[in-house]
């Protein structure tokens, strides 16, 4: 039986315990979190001036017995301040923040939501809203079955993550998932996401460890999709970070040179063929940076890519504490990648995932503005009791930053910020609460809205 979406109307609630937070934080969803390899997770719909917010509920959170594993889509009306929550799939088990949906506004105004379980089955799930600009009613859930494609390479593969982009120049919708050989794999739709077909592998390498590369994507919204990617999982390999982009069905390096004349095939190219952004074991000051991981990539209004990278600092062979991670800002300087250290991100969130940090995000309309989650105050280096959110502004191409606090003396962690920008306005949302595993957390989706 296919799950039926249902909608719950809510008021936007202030957080009960704010500590000394300098701004009013609001709860968009009392029970929810996300991983960071599904995008977009937050979008602004200019037609009705609403925010659409994707997250996954957990048994540890409020009403957890009834909501565990729910794939939620929260709609927030920026004019009235009212919100509603639509359950796209009730109790998608096992519960996992990796299951969060990617969201896309189709050219016809209807919403497309796409999601997968975390390394559990062979399906990509999607739903399309019944009416334009309306989250209250959805068509039945549909699935794309990867089984026959996996069987050709490794029957033990599973589908994970969704990343959605529509390119008007091609009248085509793309979804990028971790799928065949755990490589970034492509689904395409020529009817705005009503149906999907397999279109090939973006990249490929000989499998090493858990995953072949972690890829973050961004689009100019017209004819191009950019991405940052790693070699493998950072716990298995001392990763570099690479950049490439797709345009007109071809795979390009940063300088525009073509390395694959046809991305719509099963061949794929190794990450090493792309442009290297961040080299493993690079010294920054007195520290050596290793085991890099992609945090985000975006395009500025002119279409130039920029991104954030996390890395371990001074990781020795016998050091198992994983206590020092750093955040780096990567941008183009005369067509060459320039990387600058931004801030300390502190230790791993939990021991089983050596490289999980609080993360960070940009304002895509202003590459000089960043929001980070860290337990180390970037202003003075002092250790904090929990992860707090800070806003950074640079005026010298990320060589230095001026920091202000968004949260202060919080009673719980503030993790994984996302920035959504439109017409000079910003929504900064994050997961606030306790997170002990990707499958176990008690978080609320909270945030602030900065109006121009």
Protein backbone atom coordinates (compact mmCIF):
# COMPACT_ATOMS: atom_id res chain seq x y z
CA UNK A 1 0.00 0.00 0.00
CA UNK A 2 1.42 3.37 -0.96
CA UNK A 3 1.68 5.92 1.86
CA UNK A 4 -0.73 8.82 1.77
CA UNK A 5 0.57 12.29 2.53
CA UNK A 6 -1.19 14.11 5.32
CA UNK A 7 -0.89 17.70 6.47
CA UNK A 8 -0.86 19.17 9.97
CA UNK A 9 -1.39 22.90 10.44
CA UNK A 10 0.89 24.48 13.03
CA UNK A 11 1.69 27.85 14.48
CA UNK A 12 5.31 28.94 14.38
CA UNK A 13 6.45 28.31 17.93
CA UNK A 14 9.15 30.11 19.89
CA UNK A 15 11.70 27.79 21.48
CA UNK A 16 10.96 27.13 25.13
CA UNK A 17 14.54 27.47 26.36
CA UNK A 18 16.66 30.04 24.55
CA UNK A 19 19.62 30.49 26.88
CA UNK A 20 21.19 33.83 26.01
CA UNK A 21 20.52 33.66 22.26
CA UNK A 22 20.83 37.11 20.78
CA UNK A 23 17.97 36.70 18.34
CA UNK A 24 14.51 35.19 18.51
CA UNK A 25 14.75 31.61 17.33
CA UNK A 26 11.65 29.91 16.06
CA UNK A 27 10.78 26.26 15.78
CA UNK A 28 9.76 25.29 12.28
CA UNK A 29 9.48 21.59 13.18
CA UNK A 30 9.60 20.26 16.74
CA UNK A 31 11.08 16.92 15.67
CA UNK A 32 13.46 16.80 12.74
CA UNK A 33 17.01 16.75 11.39
CA UNK A 34 18.89 16.30 8.12
CA UNK A 35 22.14 15.01 6.73
CA UNK A 36 24.02 17.29 4.31
CA UNK A 37 24.20 15.26 1.09
CA UNK A 38 20.63 15.91 -0.11
CA UNK A 39 19.77 19.21 -1.79
CA UNK A 40 17.87 21.40 -1.91
CA UNK A 41 16.55 20.82 1.62
CA UNK A 42 15.15 24.35 1.92
CA UNK A 43 13.67 26.36 -0.95
CA UNK A 44 11.83 29.66 -1.24
CA UNK A 45 8.75 29.77 -3.44
CA UNK A 46 8.33 33.35 -4.69
CA UNK A 47 4.84 32.64 -6.02
CA UNK A 48 3.39 32.44 -2.51
CA UNK A 49 6.36 33.72 -0.45
CA UNK A 50 6.80 30.49 1.49
CA UNK A 51 9.69 28.37 2.66
CA UNK A 52 9.64 24.61 2.09
CA UNK A 53 11.75 22.74 4.65
CA UNK A 54 12.66 19.03 4.48
CA UNK A 55 13.59 16.93 7.53
CA UNK A 56 13.22 13.50 9.15
CA UNK A 57 11.56 12.90 12.53
CA UNK A 58 13.02 10.53 15.16
CA UNK A 59 11.64 8.35 17.94
CA UNK A 60 13.71 10.29 20.47
CA UNK A 61 11.95 13.58 19.64
CA UNK A 62 8.51 14.93 20.61
CA UNK A 63 5.69 12.57 19.65
CA UNK A 64 8.43 10.16 18.59
CA UNK A 65 6.34 7.04 18.95
CA UNK A 66 3.93 8.38 16.33
CA UNK A 67 6.42 10.24 14.13
CA UNK A 68 9.60 8.11 14.04
CA UNK A 69 10.97 7.97 10.50
CA UNK A 70 8.47 10.43 9.05
CA UNK A 71 9.72 12.25 5.96
CA UNK A 72 8.43 15.74 6.69
CA UNK A 73 7.97 18.79 4.51
CA UNK A 74 7.26 21.94 6.51
CA UNK A 75 5.71 24.95 4.78
CA UNK A 76 6.26 28.35 6.38
CA UNK A 77 4.30 31.38 5.16
CA UNK A 78 6.65 34.35 5.40
CA UNK A 79 3.78 36.84 5.34
CA UNK A 80 1.52 35.34 8.00
CA UNK A 81 4.08 33.43 10.09
CA UNK A 82 1.94 30.30 9.92
CA UNK A 83 3.33 26.88 9.13
CA UNK A 84 2.06 23.43 8.23
CA UNK A 85 3.74 20.04 8.16
CA UNK A 86 3.13 17.47 5.43
CA UNK A 87 4.22 13.86 5.96
CA UNK A 88 5.45 12.60 2.60
CA UNK A 89 6.11 9.09 3.89
CA UNK A 90 5.05 7.96 7.33
CA UNK A 91 7.60 5.89 9.26
CA UNK A 92 10.22 5.28 6.57
CA UNK A 93 12.32 2.85 8.58
CA UNK A 94 14.92 2.59 9.83
CA UNK A 95 14.74 6.23 10.86
CA UNK A 96 17.78 8.12 9.60
CA UNK A 97 18.62 11.76 8.90
CA UNK A 98 20.06 10.65 5.53
CA UNK A 99 16.48 9.97 4.37
CA UNK A 100 15.58 13.67 4.10
CA UNK A 101 13.91 14.69 0.85
CA UNK A 102 15.33 16.94 -1.83
CA UNK A 103 12.79 19.54 -2.94
CA UNK A 104 12.23 21.19 -6.32
CA UNK A 105 9.68 23.67 -7.64
CA UNK A 106 8.73 22.45 -11.10
CA UNK A 107 8.16 24.86 -14.02
CA UNK A 108 4.42 24.20 -13.68
CA UNK A 109 4.53 25.30 -10.02
CA UNK A 110 3.96 21.86 -8.56
CA UNK A 111 6.44 20.54 -6.00
CA UNK A 112 8.68 17.51 -6.48
CA UNK A 113 10.07 15.71 -3.43
CA UNK A 114 12.57 12.85 -3.80
CA UNK A 115 14.17 10.70 -1.10
CA UNK A 116 15.88 7.37 -0.38
CA UNK A 117 16.67 5.19 2.58
CA UNK A 118 20.24 5.22 3.87
CA UNK A 119 22.04 2.24 2.35
CA UNK A 120 19.09 -0.08 2.98
CA UNK A 121 17.21 -0.82 -0.26
CA UNK A 122 17.32 -0.36 -4.03
CA UNK A 123 14.67 2.33 -4.41
CA UNK A 124 14.49 6.05 -4.98
CA UNK A 125 11.10 7.41 -3.90
CA UNK A 126 9.33 10.51 -5.18
CA UNK A 127 6.07 12.39 -4.94
CA UNK A 128 4.57 15.32 -6.86
CA UNK A 129 2.12 17.78 -5.33
CA UNK A 130 -1.36 17.66 -6.80
CA UNK A 131 -1.71 21.42 -7.25
CA UNK A 132 0.80 24.20 -7.97
CA UNK A 133 2.28 25.98 -4.94
CA UNK A 134 0.30 23.81 -2.54
CA UNK A 135 1.76 21.22 -0.14
CA UNK A 136 -1.55 20.00 1.27
CA UNK A 137 -2.21 17.31 -1.36
CA UNK A 138 0.19 14.95 -3.13
CA UNK A 139 -0.05 12.27 -5.77
CA UNK A 140 0.81 8.70 -4.78
CA UNK A 141 4.40 7.87 -3.98
CA UNK A 142 6.35 6.28 -6.86
CA UNK A 143 9.65 4.42 -6.92
CA UNK A 144 12.60 3.96 -9.22
CA UNK A 145 14.06 0.46 -8.84
CA UNK A 146 17.85 0.24 -9.23
CA UNK A 147 18.03 -3.55 -8.75
CA UNK A 148 18.79 -4.56 -12.34
CA UNK A 149 21.43 -1.83 -12.61
CA UNK A 150 23.09 -2.89 -9.35
CA UNK A 151 23.14 -6.52 -10.50
CA UNK A 152 25.52 -5.65 -13.35
CA UNK A 153 28.18 -4.32 -10.95
CA UNK A 154 27.47 -5.27 -7.33
CA UNK A 155 24.11 -6.68 -6.18
CA UNK A 156 24.93 -5.52 -2.65
CA UNK A 157 24.70 -1.84 -3.62
CA UNK A 158 21.87 0.34 -2.34
CA UNK A 159 20.49 3.77 -3.26
CA UNK A 160 21.16 6.72 -0.96
CA UNK A 161 20.58 10.49 -1.19
CA UNK A 162 18.78 12.65 -3.77
CA UNK A 163 19.90 15.94 -5.33
CA UNK A 164 17.45 17.65 -7.67
CA UNK A 165 18.07 20.24 -10.39
CA UNK A 166 16.03 21.51 -13.32
CA UNK A 167 17.89 22.98 -16.33
CA UNK A 168 15.54 25.11 -18.49
CA UNK A 169 18.05 25.13 -21.35
CA UNK A 170 17.52 21.37 -21.68
CA UNK A 171 13.98 21.19 -20.30
CA UNK A 172 15.34 18.35 -18.19
CA UNK A 173 15.33 17.48 -14.50
CA UNK A 174 18.32 15.73 -12.93
CA UNK A 175 18.62 13.64 -9.79
CA UNK A 176 22.03 12.61 -8.46
CA UNK A 177 22.14 9.66 -6.05
CA UNK A 178 24.80 7.46 -4.54
CA UNK A 179 24.01 4.22 -6.28
CA UNK A 180 25.91 1.94 -8.70
CA UNK A 181 29.29 0.94 -7.21
CA UNK A 182 28.50 3.67 -4.61
CA UNK A 183 29.41 6.16 -7.37
CA UNK A 184 27.46 9.35 -8.06
CA UNK A 185 24.78 8.11 -10.47
CA UNK A 186 22.32 10.06 -12.61
CA UNK A 187 18.57 9.84 -13.13
CA UNK A 188 16.89 12.17 -15.64
CA UNK A 189 13.31 13.19 -16.33
CA UNK A 190 12.00 14.97 -19.41
CA UNK A 191 8.52 15.46 -17.93
CA UNK A 192 9.40 17.49 -14.81
CA UNK A 193 9.80 14.45 -12.58
CA UNK A 194 6.64 12.49 -13.38
CA UNK A 195 8.81 9.58 -14.56
CA UNK A 196 12.54 8.86 -14.41
CA UNK A 197 15.15 6.94 -16.36
CA UNK A 198 18.74 5.95 -15.64
CA UNK A 199 21.25 8.17 -17.47
CA UNK A 200 24.66 6.89 -16.42
CA UNK A 201 27.39 7.43 -13.86
CA UNK A 202 28.88 10.84 -13.26
CA UNK A 203 32.11 9.51 -11.74
CA UNK A 204 33.65 6.15 -10.90
CA UNK A 205 36.65 4.62 -9.16
CA UNK A 206 37.68 1.24 -7.92
CA UNK A 207 35.71 0.71 -4.73
CA UNK A 208 37.73 1.43 -1.61
CA UNK A 209 36.12 1.15 1.79
CA UNK A 210 32.57 2.34 2.31
CA UNK A 211 31.86 4.86 -0.44
CA UNK A 212 33.34 6.13 -3.71
CA UNK A 213 33.30 9.85 -3.11
CA UNK A 214 31.02 12.32 -1.37
CA UNK A 215 29.59 14.84 -3.79
CA UNK A 216 27.91 18.20 -3.24
CA UNK A 217 26.09 19.86 -6.13
CA UNK A 218 24.90 23.33 -7.18
CA UNK A 219 23.31 24.77 -10.32
CA UNK A 220 23.12 28.13 -12.05
CA UNK A 221 19.45 27.36 -12.65
CA UNK A 222 19.86 27.52 -16.43
CA UNK A 223 22.27 25.14 -18.13
CA UNK A 224 24.99 24.00 -15.72
CA UNK A 225 25.47 21.84 -12.62
CA UNK A 226 28.69 22.19 -10.60
CA UNK A 227 29.99 19.85 -7.93
CA UNK A 228 32.71 19.26 -5.33
CA UNK A 229 33.65 15.64 -4.61
CA UNK A 230 36.13 13.51 -2.65
CA UNK A 231 37.99 10.31 -3.50
CA UNK A 232 36.29 8.11 -0.87
CA UNK A 233 35.01 8.30 2.72
CA UNK A 234 37.47 10.24 4.93
CA UNK A 235 37.75 7.39 7.43
CA UNK A 236 39.00 5.12 4.62
CA UNK A 237 41.21 7.48 2.65
CA UNK A 238 43.22 10.70 2.92
CA UNK A 239 40.90 12.60 0.59
CA UNK A 240 41.54 15.33 -1.92
CA UNK A 241 38.63 17.52 -3.02
CA UNK A 242 37.90 18.09 -6.72
CA UNK A 243 35.66 20.37 -8.79
CA UNK A 244 33.89 19.75 -12.07
CA UNK A 245 30.69 20.69 -13.85
CA UNK A 246 28.16 19.30 -16.32
CA UNK A 247 27.01 21.40 -19.26
CA UNK A 248 25.42 20.31 -22.55
CA UNK A 249 25.79 16.67 -21.53
CA UNK A 250 29.56 16.94 -21.11
CA UNK A 251 31.78 16.77 -18.03
CA UNK A 252 34.22 19.67 -17.63
CA UNK A 253 37.13 20.67 -15.44
CA UNK A 254 37.10 24.10 -13.81
CA UNK A 255 38.91 25.66 -16.79
CA UNK A 256 36.24 24.44 -19.19
CA UNK A 257 38.23 21.61 -20.72
CA UNK A 258 36.10 18.55 -21.45
CA UNK A 259 37.02 15.21 -19.88
CA UNK A 260 33.87 13.29 -20.83
CA UNK A 261 32.02 14.00 -24.09
CA UNK A 262 28.97 12.10 -22.83
CA UNK A 263 28.02 11.87 -19.16
CA UNK A 264 24.99 9.76 -20.10
CA UNK A 265 26.76 6.43 -20.17
CA UNK A 266 27.96 3.79 -17.73
CA UNK A 267 31.65 4.61 -18.03
CA UNK A 268 32.15 7.49 -15.63
CA UNK A 269 35.49 9.15 -15.04
CA UNK A 270 37.70 9.01 -11.93
CA UNK A 271 37.75 12.04 -9.68
CA UNK A 272 41.48 12.42 -10.38
CA UNK A 273 40.60 13.69 -13.88
CA UNK A 274 38.82 16.71 -12.39
CA UNK A 275 40.34 19.96 -11.14
CA UNK A 276 41.91 19.58 -7.70
CA UNK A 277 40.63 22.15 -5.23
CA UNK A 278 42.13 20.87 -1.97
CA UNK A 279 45.16 18.58 -1.82
CA UNK A 280 45.53 16.00 0.94
CA UNK A 281 48.33 16.63 3.47
CA UNK A 282 48.54 20.32 2.60
CA UNK A 283 50.20 22.52 5.27
CA UNK A 284 48.27 25.55 6.53
CA UNK A 285 50.38 27.52 8.96
CA UNK A 286 51.77 25.06 11.49
CA UNK A 287 49.16 22.40 10.72
CA UNK A 288 48.92 19.58 8.16
CA UNK A 289 45.43 18.97 6.79
CA UNK A 290 44.24 15.47 5.93
CA UNK A 291 41.06 13.45 5.30
CA UNK A 292 39.08 16.26 3.67
CA UNK A 293 35.30 16.19 3.32
CA UNK A 294 32.92 18.27 1.23
CA UNK A 295 30.64 20.61 3.19
CA UNK A 296 28.88 22.67 0.51
CA UNK A 297 29.27 24.22 -2.92
CA UNK A 298 27.31 27.13 -4.37
CA UNK A 299 27.40 29.50 -7.32
CA UNK A 300 27.48 33.25 -6.94
CA UNK A 301 25.13 35.45 -9.04
CA UNK A 302 27.72 35.53 -11.83
CA UNK A 303 27.86 31.72 -11.91
CA UNK A 304 31.30 31.32 -10.33
CA UNK A 305 31.55 28.33 -7.95
CA UNK A 306 32.76 28.54 -4.38
CA UNK A 307 32.59 26.05 -1.54
CA UNK A 308 33.43 24.88 1.96
CA UNK A 309 35.62 21.95 2.96
CA UNK A 310 36.28 20.31 6.34
CA UNK A 311 39.55 18.60 7.19
CA UNK A 312 41.41 16.98 10.07
CA UNK A 313 44.34 18.94 11.44
CA UNK A 314 47.61 17.28 12.51
CA UNK A 315 46.16 13.77 12.49
CA UNK A 316 48.93 11.35 13.49
CA UNK A 317 48.76 7.60 12.91
CA UNK A 318 48.28 6.82 16.61
CA UNK A 319 45.86 9.66 17.36
CA UNK A 320 42.31 8.30 17.65
CA UNK A 321 40.71 11.32 19.29
CA UNK A 322 39.83 13.19 16.06
CA UNK A 323 39.74 16.31 18.19
CA UNK A 324 40.74 19.02 15.70
CA UNK A 325 38.80 19.71 12.51
CA UNK A 326 39.10 22.88 10.45
CA UNK A 327 36.83 24.65 7.97
CA UNK A 328 38.17 25.98 4.66
CA UNK A 329 36.78 28.39 2.10
CA UNK A 330 37.54 27.63 -1.56
CA UNK A 331 37.01 30.14 -4.36
CA UNK A 332 38.38 30.98 -7.79
CA UNK A 333 41.12 33.54 -8.14
CA UNK A 334 41.88 34.18 -11.83
CA UNK A 335 40.59 30.68 -12.67
CA UNK A 336 42.79 29.05 -10.02
CA UNK A 337 41.41 27.59 -6.82
CA UNK A 338 42.43 29.50 -3.71
CA UNK A 339 41.79 27.92 -0.30
CA UNK A 340 41.82 29.75 3.04
CA UNK A 341 41.28 28.48 6.55
CA UNK A 342 38.12 29.91 8.12
CA UNK A 343 37.68 28.50 11.63
CA UNK A 344 38.12 25.55 13.95
CA UNK A 345 35.25 23.05 14.03
CA UNK A 346 36.42 21.10 17.08
CA UNK A 347 36.18 17.35 17.68
CA UNK A 348 33.98 14.82 15.91
CA UNK A 349 30.35 14.78 17.03
CA UNK A 350 30.66 11.12 18.06
CA UNK A 351 33.47 8.53 17.91
CA UNK A 352 31.97 6.22 15.29
CA UNK A 353 32.06 9.02 12.70
CA UNK A 354 35.50 10.58 12.99
CA UNK A 355 34.72 13.46 10.63
CA UNK A 356 31.20 14.53 11.55
CA UNK A 357 31.25 18.22 12.58
CA UNK A 358 28.72 21.00 13.10
CA UNK A 359 29.22 22.11 9.45
CA UNK A 360 28.57 25.48 7.80
CA UNK A 361 26.81 27.14 4.86
CA UNK A 362 26.97 30.22 2.63
CA UNK A 363 24.62 32.88 1.45
CA UNK A 364 24.55 32.08 -2.27
CA UNK A 365 23.68 35.71 -3.09
CA UNK A 366 26.68 37.00 -1.14
CA UNK A 367 29.80 34.82 -1.07
CA UNK A 368 31.24 37.03 1.67
CA UNK A 369 28.74 35.82 4.29
CA UNK A 370 29.00 32.47 6.08
CA UNK A 371 27.23 30.75 8.98
CA UNK A 372 29.06 28.06 10.96
CA UNK A 373 28.34 25.61 13.78
CA UNK A 374 31.29 25.14 16.11
CA UNK A 375 32.12 24.48 19.80
CA UNK A 376 35.10 26.84 19.51
CA UNK A 377 34.46 30.60 19.50
CA UNK A 378 36.04 31.88 16.25
CA UNK A 379 36.58 35.31 17.82
CA UNK A 380 38.95 34.23 20.56
CA UNK A 381 39.46 30.45 20.30
CA UNK A 382 37.72 29.66 23.59
CA UNK A 383 36.05 26.27 23.99
CA UNK A 384 32.26 26.45 24.35
CA UNK A 385 29.94 24.07 26.20
CA UNK A 386 27.98 23.23 23.04
CA UNK A 387 28.00 23.98 19.32
CA UNK A 388 26.87 27.54 18.67
CA UNK A 389 26.01 29.33 15.41
CA UNK A 390 28.22 32.22 14.30
CA UNK A 391 27.90 34.59 11.35
CA UNK A 392 31.12 35.50 9.54
CA UNK A 393 31.74 38.31 7.05
CA UNK A 394 34.88 38.69 4.95
CA UNK A 395 35.99 41.71 2.95
CA UNK A 396 39.32 40.32 1.72
CA UNK A 397 38.48 37.10 -0.15
CA UNK A 398 38.29 34.93 2.98
CA UNK A 399 41.72 35.85 4.32
CA UNK A 400 40.10 37.18 7.49
CA UNK A 401 36.63 37.19 9.04
CA UNK A 402 34.55 39.35 11.35
CA UNK A 403 32.32 37.22 13.57
CA UNK A 404 29.05 37.84 15.38
CA UNK A 405 27.02 35.41 17.47
CA UNK A 406 23.68 34.02 16.33
CA UNK A 407 23.30 31.76 19.40
CA UNK A 408 24.98 32.16 22.80
CA UNK A 409 25.05 30.02 25.97
CA UNK A 410 22.65 27.52 24.42
CA UNK A 411 21.54 24.55 26.55
CA UNK A 412 21.90 22.16 23.57
CA UNK A 413 23.88 21.85 20.34
CA UNK A 414 23.10 23.89 17.22
CA UNK A 415 24.15 21.86 14.16
CA UNK A 416 24.17 21.78 10.35
CA UNK A 417 23.05 25.29 9.37
CA UNK A 418 21.45 25.89 5.97
CA UNK A 419 21.07 29.30 4.33
CA UNK A 420 18.27 30.09 1.88
CA UNK A 421 18.41 33.52 0.20
CA UNK A 422 15.94 35.47 -1.91
CA UNK A 423 15.75 39.14 -2.91
CA UNK A 424 18.26 40.15 -0.24
CA UNK A 425 16.50 38.21 2.53
CA UNK A 426 17.97 35.19 4.35
CA UNK A 427 16.55 32.26 6.25
CA UNK A 428 19.17 30.53 8.40
CA UNK A 429 17.91 27.19 9.73
CA UNK A 430 19.63 24.44 11.70
CA UNK A 431 19.10 21.34 13.83
CA UNK A 432 18.96 22.19 17.53
CA UNK A 433 19.22 19.47 20.16
CA UNK A 434 21.06 16.24 20.87
CA UNK A 435 22.47 14.06 18.09
CA UNK A 436 24.31 10.85 18.98
CA UNK A 437 24.02 9.02 15.66
CA UNK A 438 22.51 9.60 12.26
CA UNK A 439 19.78 7.21 13.41
CA UNK A 440 19.32 8.67 16.90
CA UNK A 441 18.66 12.31 17.68
CA UNK A 442 16.31 14.61 19.54
CA UNK A 443 16.41 17.79 17.47
CA UNK A 444 14.10 20.56 16.39
CA UNK A 445 14.41 22.45 13.12
CA UNK A 446 14.86 26.06 14.18
CA UNK A 447 16.14 29.29 12.70
CA UNK A 448 15.97 32.99 12.12
CA UNK A 449 14.97 35.14 9.17
CA UNK A 450 17.02 38.20 8.28
CA UNK A 451 15.01 40.66 6.21
CA UNK A 452 16.68 43.20 4.00
